[in-house]
Amino acid sequence: MRTAKPGDKLEAYRDCHLVGEFGMQSRLFSGDILPFLFHDSANTAFYMAVDALKAMQDSPVIGPTQYGIPAVNMWFLSVESLISTLYKIVLDDSESTKSRGAVRKTQKLLEKAEQIDSYISGGKATPSQMRLKLTEFATFRNTLFHDLTYVKRPTYSHTVFAVKAEKMNQVDLMQAIIVAVNTFRYYRGAIHDIDLLPKVFINAQFDAVDLLSEEVLFPAFSEILGSRQMATDLKLEFSTESLGFELDIEARILIRHDGPTFPEHNPTNPAIVHRLLTDASTRRPVDPTIFKVPDYTANARSTGNG
């Protein structure tokens, strides 16, 4: 592990292997390693949510705060990355084996999800609650990202996203997290012997994004809201729904265990969410002789951690 020195130029670290950088290798893509970029974007989304909750605690006004809208967009980006990755896998598999039928080429996220479900299940997958909620998440995100305010006022039947997206607050962020993580959980077993649920870097190791959301993000939101003597109707819980089918392509995950780190920095007077994050780290003691990597094997599905 290389620790950067004070005064080093950050640009010097853009052409090296990074901690936790990983991808999948199989018979597909001519044996090349397919990057799993959703791992990085999910990690970024998690810590943007941490910052958004810190801003919520510090701000006297109700609204998205400084990090709310970017955090929602990052959670959507991570879901889009996962679905695009799976879509590339099923598309290449269909073109190379022609054993399960053709996959229709598309650039639209929800059509990719439909093609993934149909191909991996052999046409047996039934319409899912996940896709209904993902559709509404896409509508909400597009209203924000493409600034469609006053252009359309969507209605939501399966989520609690704000009809006036520009008026969003942390309830919408929590709803975005729930839909995103439910999508990860839905597809976590879609590839045989691989766990696709993103793992978040914490205290020199990794743990599952759903567990850390339940351990850090949900209780932080509830505690901050309670400290302001307010409440929400949103249920902070995840679904157990899953695709229920898998694609056997004899794949393996390759993960970089080494890479640069920033100079040490110990923050003082941590906010609520940072205190919870520190507590979560303390419950994961570090063996200095072992560098732990995220567990993306099928075993992680049954043990519930990474």
Protein backbone atom coordinates (compact mmCIF):
# COMPACT_ATOMS: atom_id res chain seq x y z
CA MET A 1 0.00 0.00 0.00
CA ARG A 2 1.49 3.34 -1.03
CA THR A 3 0.57 6.39 1.03
CA ALA A 4 0.75 9.71 -0.73
CA LYS A 5 3.05 12.34 0.76
CA PRO A 6 1.94 15.86 1.64
CA GLY A 7 2.67 18.02 -1.36
CA ASP A 8 2.25 15.21 -3.91
CA LYS A 9 0.34 16.11 -7.06
CA LEU A 10 -2.96 14.25 -7.25
CA GLU A 11 -2.58 13.98 -11.02
CA ALA A 12 0.34 11.60 -10.49
CA TYR A 13 -2.04 8.94 -9.18
CA ARG A 14 -4.31 8.67 -12.22
CA ASP A 15 -2.29 6.05 -14.07
CA CYS A 16 -1.99 3.31 -11.48
CA HIS A 17 -4.07 0.45 -10.12
CA LEU A 18 -6.50 1.53 -7.40
CA VAL A 19 -7.60 -0.19 -4.21
CA GLY A 20 -10.78 -2.15 -4.85
CA GLU A 21 -10.62 -1.75 -8.63
CA PHE A 22 -12.20 -4.85 -10.11
CA GLY A 23 -13.86 -6.52 -13.05
CA MET A 24 -15.10 -9.86 -14.37
CA GLN A 25 -13.24 -12.32 -16.57
CA SER A 26 -14.99 -15.13 -18.47
CA ARG A 27 -15.19 -16.65 -21.92
CA LEU A 28 -17.04 -13.49 -23.00
CA PHE A 29 -15.43 -10.41 -24.53
CA SER A 30 -12.60 -12.55 -25.94
CA GLY A 31 -11.39 -13.22 -22.39
CA ASP A 32 -10.84 -9.52 -21.63
CA ILE A 33 -11.68 -8.19 -18.18
CA LEU A 34 -15.03 -6.41 -18.12
CA PRO A 35 -14.84 -3.45 -15.69
CA PHE A 36 -17.48 -3.42 -12.97
CA LEU A 37 -17.74 0.36 -12.63
CA PHE A 38 -20.91 0.10 -10.53
CA HIS A 39 -18.68 -0.86 -7.61
CA ASP A 40 -16.97 2.55 -7.68
CA SER A 41 -20.15 4.54 -8.34
CA ALA A 42 -22.01 2.74 -5.52
CA ASN A 43 -19.17 3.56 -3.14
CA THR A 44 -19.29 7.19 -4.23
CA ALA A 45 -23.09 7.25 -3.86
CA PHE A 46 -22.86 5.89 -0.31
CA TYR A 47 -20.41 8.52 0.85
CA MET A 48 -22.27 11.30 -0.96
CA ALA A 49 -25.30 10.25 1.10
CA VAL A 50 -23.13 10.53 4.22
CA ASP A 51 -22.25 14.10 3.22
CA ALA A 52 -25.87 14.89 2.39
CA LEU A 53 -26.97 13.78 5.85
CA LYS A 54 -24.21 15.83 7.47
CA ALA A 55 -25.49 18.85 5.51
CA MET A 56 -29.04 18.06 6.63
CA GLN A 57 -27.94 18.07 10.26
CA ASP A 58 -26.07 21.36 9.90
CA SER A 59 -28.69 23.24 7.87
CA PRO A 60 -31.58 25.16 9.50
CA VAL A 61 -33.65 25.06 6.29
CA ILE A 62 -35.68 22.26 4.71
CA GLY A 63 -34.64 21.30 1.20
CA PRO A 64 -32.15 19.22 -0.79
CA THR A 65 -29.13 20.94 0.83
CA GLN A 66 -25.77 21.08 -0.90
CA TYR A 67 -25.37 17.34 -1.60
CA GLY A 68 -28.95 16.09 -1.97
CA ILE A 69 -29.45 16.31 -5.74
CA PRO A 70 -25.92 15.08 -6.67
CA ALA A 71 -26.33 12.15 -4.27
CA VAL A 72 -29.65 11.12 -5.88
CA ASN A 73 -28.02 11.29 -9.31
CA MET A 74 -25.05 9.20 -8.15
CA TRP A 75 -27.30 6.46 -6.76
CA PHE A 76 -29.08 6.37 -10.11
CA LEU A 77 -25.76 6.27 -11.97
CA SER A 78 -24.68 3.26 -9.93
CA VAL A 79 -27.90 1.40 -10.79
CA GLU A 80 -27.56 2.35 -14.45
CA SER A 81 -23.98 1.07 -14.42
CA LEU A 82 -24.99 -2.29 -12.94
CA ILE A 83 -27.80 -2.78 -15.45
CA SER A 84 -25.60 -1.69 -18.36
CA THR A 85 -22.91 -4.15 -17.23
CA LEU A 86 -25.39 -7.02 -17.04
CA TYR A 87 -26.85 -6.00 -20.39
CA LYS A 88 -23.39 -6.15 -22.02
CA ILE A 89 -22.94 -9.63 -20.55
CA VAL A 90 -26.23 -11.04 -21.83
CA LEU A 91 -25.80 -9.34 -25.20
CA ASP A 92 -22.33 -10.82 -25.71
CA ASP A 93 -23.47 -14.23 -24.46
CA SER A 94 -26.45 -14.25 -26.83
CA GLU A 95 -24.27 -13.31 -29.79
CA SER A 96 -21.57 -15.86 -28.98
CA THR A 97 -23.72 -18.89 -28.05
CA LYS A 98 -27.14 -18.23 -29.61
CA SER A 99 -28.49 -20.76 -27.09
CA ARG A 100 -31.10 -18.62 -25.32
CA GLY A 101 -32.35 -16.46 -28.16
CA ALA A 102 -31.45 -12.98 -29.29
CA VAL A 103 -31.14 -9.90 -27.08
CA ARG A 104 -32.57 -6.76 -28.59
CA LYS A 105 -30.06 -3.91 -28.84
CA THR A 106 -31.11 -0.78 -26.99
CA GLN A 107 -29.65 2.22 -25.21
CA LYS A 108 -32.63 2.68 -22.88
CA LEU A 109 -32.15 1.63 -19.27
CA LEU A 110 -35.56 0.09 -18.64
CA GLU A 111 -35.47 -1.83 -21.92
CA LYS A 112 -32.06 -3.18 -20.90
CA ALA A 113 -33.55 -4.42 -17.62
CA GLU A 114 -36.39 -6.08 -19.50
CA GLN A 115 -33.95 -7.81 -21.86
CA ILE A 116 -31.76 -8.97 -18.96
CA ASP A 117 -34.71 -10.48 -17.09
CA SER A 118 -36.06 -12.21 -20.19
CA TYR A 119 -32.70 -13.60 -21.33
CA ILE A 120 -31.41 -14.90 -18.00
CA SER A 121 -34.78 -16.43 -17.06
CA GLY A 122 -35.38 -17.89 -20.50
CA GLY A 123 -38.55 -15.84 -20.76
CA LYS A 124 -39.90 -17.06 -17.40
CA ALA A 125 -39.39 -13.87 -15.37
CA THR A 126 -42.60 -12.15 -14.31
CA PRO A 127 -43.08 -8.37 -14.03
CA SER A 128 -41.36 -7.18 -10.87
CA GLN A 129 -42.03 -4.50 -8.29
CA MET A 130 -38.36 -3.61 -8.70
CA ARG A 131 -38.88 -2.53 -12.30
CA LEU A 132 -41.98 -0.51 -11.46
CA LYS A 133 -40.09 1.42 -8.79
CA LEU A 134 -37.01 1.74 -10.99
CA THR A 135 -39.22 3.29 -13.68
CA GLU A 136 -40.37 5.95 -11.22
CA PHE A 137 -36.80 6.50 -10.01
CA ALA A 138 -35.75 7.06 -13.64
CA THR A 139 -38.57 9.57 -14.10
CA PHE A 140 -37.61 11.47 -10.95
CA ARG A 141 -33.91 11.46 -11.79
CA ASN A 142 -34.52 12.59 -15.38
CA THR A 143 -36.70 15.43 -14.13
CA LEU A 144 -33.76 16.60 -12.02
CA PHE A 145 -30.88 15.74 -14.32
CA HIS A 146 -32.45 17.12 -17.50
CA ASP A 147 -34.16 19.95 -15.62
CA LEU A 148 -37.67 19.09 -16.74
CA THR A 149 -39.25 21.13 -13.95
CA TYR A 150 -42.40 22.87 -15.17
CA VAL A 151 -42.19 20.76 -18.33
CA LYS A 152 -43.98 17.82 -16.73
CA ARG A 153 -45.38 16.92 -13.34
CA PRO A 154 -45.21 13.12 -13.07
CA THR A 155 -47.31 11.05 -10.72
CA TYR A 156 -45.84 8.26 -8.59
CA SER A 157 -47.77 5.17 -7.54
CA HIS A 158 -45.01 2.91 -6.22
CA THR A 159 -42.63 5.40 -4.60
CA VAL A 160 -42.86 8.64 -2.61
CA PHE A 161 -40.71 10.81 -4.88
CA ALA A 162 -41.65 14.49 -4.96
CA VAL A 163 -43.93 15.49 -7.82
CA LYS A 164 -42.10 18.81 -7.86
CA ALA A 165 -38.61 17.40 -8.13
CA GLU A 166 -36.98 20.78 -7.55
CA LYS A 167 -38.55 20.76 -4.06
CA MET A 168 -36.94 17.46 -3.08
CA ASN A 169 -35.40 16.85 0.31
CA GLN A 170 -33.76 13.97 2.17
CA VAL A 171 -36.93 11.81 1.95
CA ASP A 172 -36.31 11.65 -1.80
CA LEU A 173 -32.67 10.74 -1.21
CA MET A 174 -33.69 7.91 1.13
CA GLN A 175 -36.26 6.73 -1.45
CA ALA A 176 -33.55 6.78 -4.13
CA ILE A 177 -31.28 4.69 -1.89
CA ILE A 178 -34.04 2.16 -1.23
CA VAL A 179 -34.85 1.73 -4.94
CA ALA A 180 -31.16 1.54 -5.88
CA VAL A 181 -30.28 -1.05 -3.25
CA ASN A 182 -33.40 -3.08 -4.01
CA THR A 183 -32.25 -3.19 -7.64
CA PHE A 184 -28.80 -4.38 -6.56
CA ARG A 185 -30.38 -7.04 -4.39
CA TYR A 186 -32.71 -8.11 -7.21
CA TYR A 187 -29.74 -8.82 -9.50
CA ARG A 188 -27.12 -9.92 -6.94
CA GLY A 189 -27.44 -13.60 -7.94
CA ALA A 190 -27.90 -13.07 -11.69
CA ILE A 191 -24.45 -14.54 -12.52
CA HIS A 192 -23.65 -18.03 -11.26
CA ASP A 193 -21.22 -18.11 -8.33
CA ILE A 194 -20.86 -14.31 -8.25
CA ASP A 195 -22.41 -11.80 -5.86
CA LEU A 196 -23.22 -8.56 -7.72
CA LEU A 197 -24.29 -6.62 -4.63
CA PRO A 198 -21.85 -3.67 -4.34
CA LYS A 199 -19.49 -3.66 -1.40
CA VAL A 200 -18.59 -0.37 0.30
CA PHE A 201 -15.06 0.41 1.45
CA ILE A 202 -14.93 0.94 5.20
CA ASN A 203 -12.01 0.78 7.63
CA ALA A 204 -9.56 -0.94 5.22
CA GLN A 205 -12.15 -3.54 4.22
CA PHE A 206 -15.49 -3.85 2.47
CA ASP A 207 -19.06 -4.62 3.48
CA ALA A 208 -22.37 -4.94 1.65
CA VAL A 209 -24.11 -1.70 0.68
CA ASP A 210 -27.46 -2.84 2.08
CA LEU A 211 -26.01 -3.68 5.49
CA LEU A 212 -24.14 -0.37 5.77
CA SER A 213 -27.21 1.55 4.65
CA GLU A 214 -29.17 -0.09 7.46
CA GLU A 215 -26.34 0.48 9.91
CA VAL A 216 -25.39 4.07 9.00
CA LEU A 217 -27.65 5.91 6.55
CA PHE A 218 -31.09 4.88 7.81
CA PRO A 219 -30.46 5.43 11.53
CA ALA A 220 -28.61 8.69 10.82
CA PHE A 221 -31.58 10.01 8.85
CA SER A 222 -34.01 8.94 11.58
CA GLU A 223 -31.90 10.43 14.37
CA ILE A 224 -31.37 13.74 12.57
CA LEU A 225 -35.09 13.95 11.74
CA GLY A 226 -35.98 13.12 15.35
CA SER A 227 -33.63 15.81 16.63
CA ARG A 228 -35.72 18.31 14.63
CA GLN A 229 -38.94 16.85 16.11
CA MET A 230 -40.11 15.68 12.68
CA ALA A 231 -41.05 12.35 11.09
CA THR A 232 -41.64 10.66 7.73
CA ASP A 233 -44.06 8.12 6.25
CA LEU A 234 -41.27 6.48 4.22
CA LYS A 235 -40.48 2.96 5.42
CA LEU A 236 -36.73 2.55 5.73
CA GLU A 237 -36.53 -1.08 4.68
CA PHE A 238 -35.41 -3.17 1.72
CA SER A 239 -37.30 -5.71 -0.38
CA THR A 240 -36.48 -9.42 -0.55
CA GLU A 241 -37.48 -9.60 -4.23
CA SER A 242 -34.93 -11.16 -6.60
CA LEU A 243 -34.73 -12.22 -10.23
CA GLY A 244 -34.57 -15.87 -9.16
CA PHE A 245 -32.58 -17.02 -12.20
CA GLU A 246 -28.86 -17.02 -13.00
CA LEU A 247 -26.58 -17.11 -16.02
CA ASP A 248 -23.80 -19.70 -15.87
CA ILE A 249 -20.79 -18.31 -17.75
CA GLU A 250 -17.99 -19.66 -15.51
CA ALA A 251 -16.85 -16.19 -14.56
CA ARG A 252 -14.43 -14.99 -11.93
CA ILE A 253 -13.95 -11.62 -10.26
CA LEU A 254 -10.52 -9.99 -10.30
CA ILE A 255 -9.93 -7.39 -7.57
CA ARG A 256 -6.95 -5.12 -7.03
CA HIS A 257 -5.74 -5.36 -3.45
CA ASP A 258 -3.14 -2.58 -3.63
CA GLY A 259 -3.11 1.07 -4.53
CA PRO A 260 -2.45 4.62 -3.30
CA THR A 261 -4.06 6.19 -0.22
CA PHE A 262 -4.33 9.78 0.93
CA PRO A 263 -2.13 11.11 3.74
CA GLU A 264 -3.66 10.34 7.14
CA HIS A 265 -6.39 12.68 8.36
CA ASN A 266 -8.29 12.34 11.63
CA PRO A 267 -11.43 14.55 11.74
CA THR A 268 -12.56 15.97 15.06
CA ASN A 269 -16.05 16.51 16.46
CA PRO A 270 -17.76 14.06 14.10
CA ALA A 271 -21.38 14.68 13.10
CA ILE A 272 -24.04 12.07 13.82
CA VAL A 273 -23.59 10.19 10.55
CA HIS A 274 -19.81 10.28 10.92
CA ARG A 275 -20.07 8.99 14.48
CA LEU A 276 -22.20 6.10 13.24
CA LEU A 277 -19.69 5.48 10.48
CA THR A 278 -16.89 5.42 13.05
CA ASP A 279 -18.88 3.02 15.22
CA ALA A 280 -19.42 0.77 12.20
CA SER A 281 -15.67 0.80 11.57
CA THR A 282 -14.93 -0.09 15.19
CA ARG A 283 -17.17 -3.14 14.89
CA ARG A 284 -14.90 -4.29 12.02
CA PRO A 285 -11.45 -4.58 13.64
CA VAL A 286 -8.48 -4.64 11.30
CA ASP A 287 -5.76 -7.27 11.21
CA PRO A 288 -2.70 -5.25 10.06
CA THR A 289 -1.22 -8.36 8.45
CA ILE A 290 -4.22 -8.95 6.18
CA PHE A 291 -5.77 -6.73 3.54
CA LYS A 292 -9.39 -7.77 3.09
CA VAL A 293 -11.12 -7.53 -0.26
CA PRO A 294 -14.89 -7.48 -0.92
CA ASP A 295 -16.48 -10.90 -1.08
CA TYR A 296 -18.25 -11.23 -4.42
CA THR A 297 -18.58 -14.99 -4.23
CA ALA A 298 -21.90 -16.76 -3.92
CA ASN A 299 -21.07 -17.38 -0.25
CA ALA A 300 -21.73 -13.69 0.47
CA ARG A 301 -25.36 -14.17 -0.50
CA SER A 302 -25.96 -16.57 2.40
CA THR A 303 -23.69 -14.91 4.98
CA GLY A 304 -25.11 -11.46 4.28
CA ASN A 305 -21.81 -9.60 4.37
CA GLY A 306 -18.78 -8.87 2.26
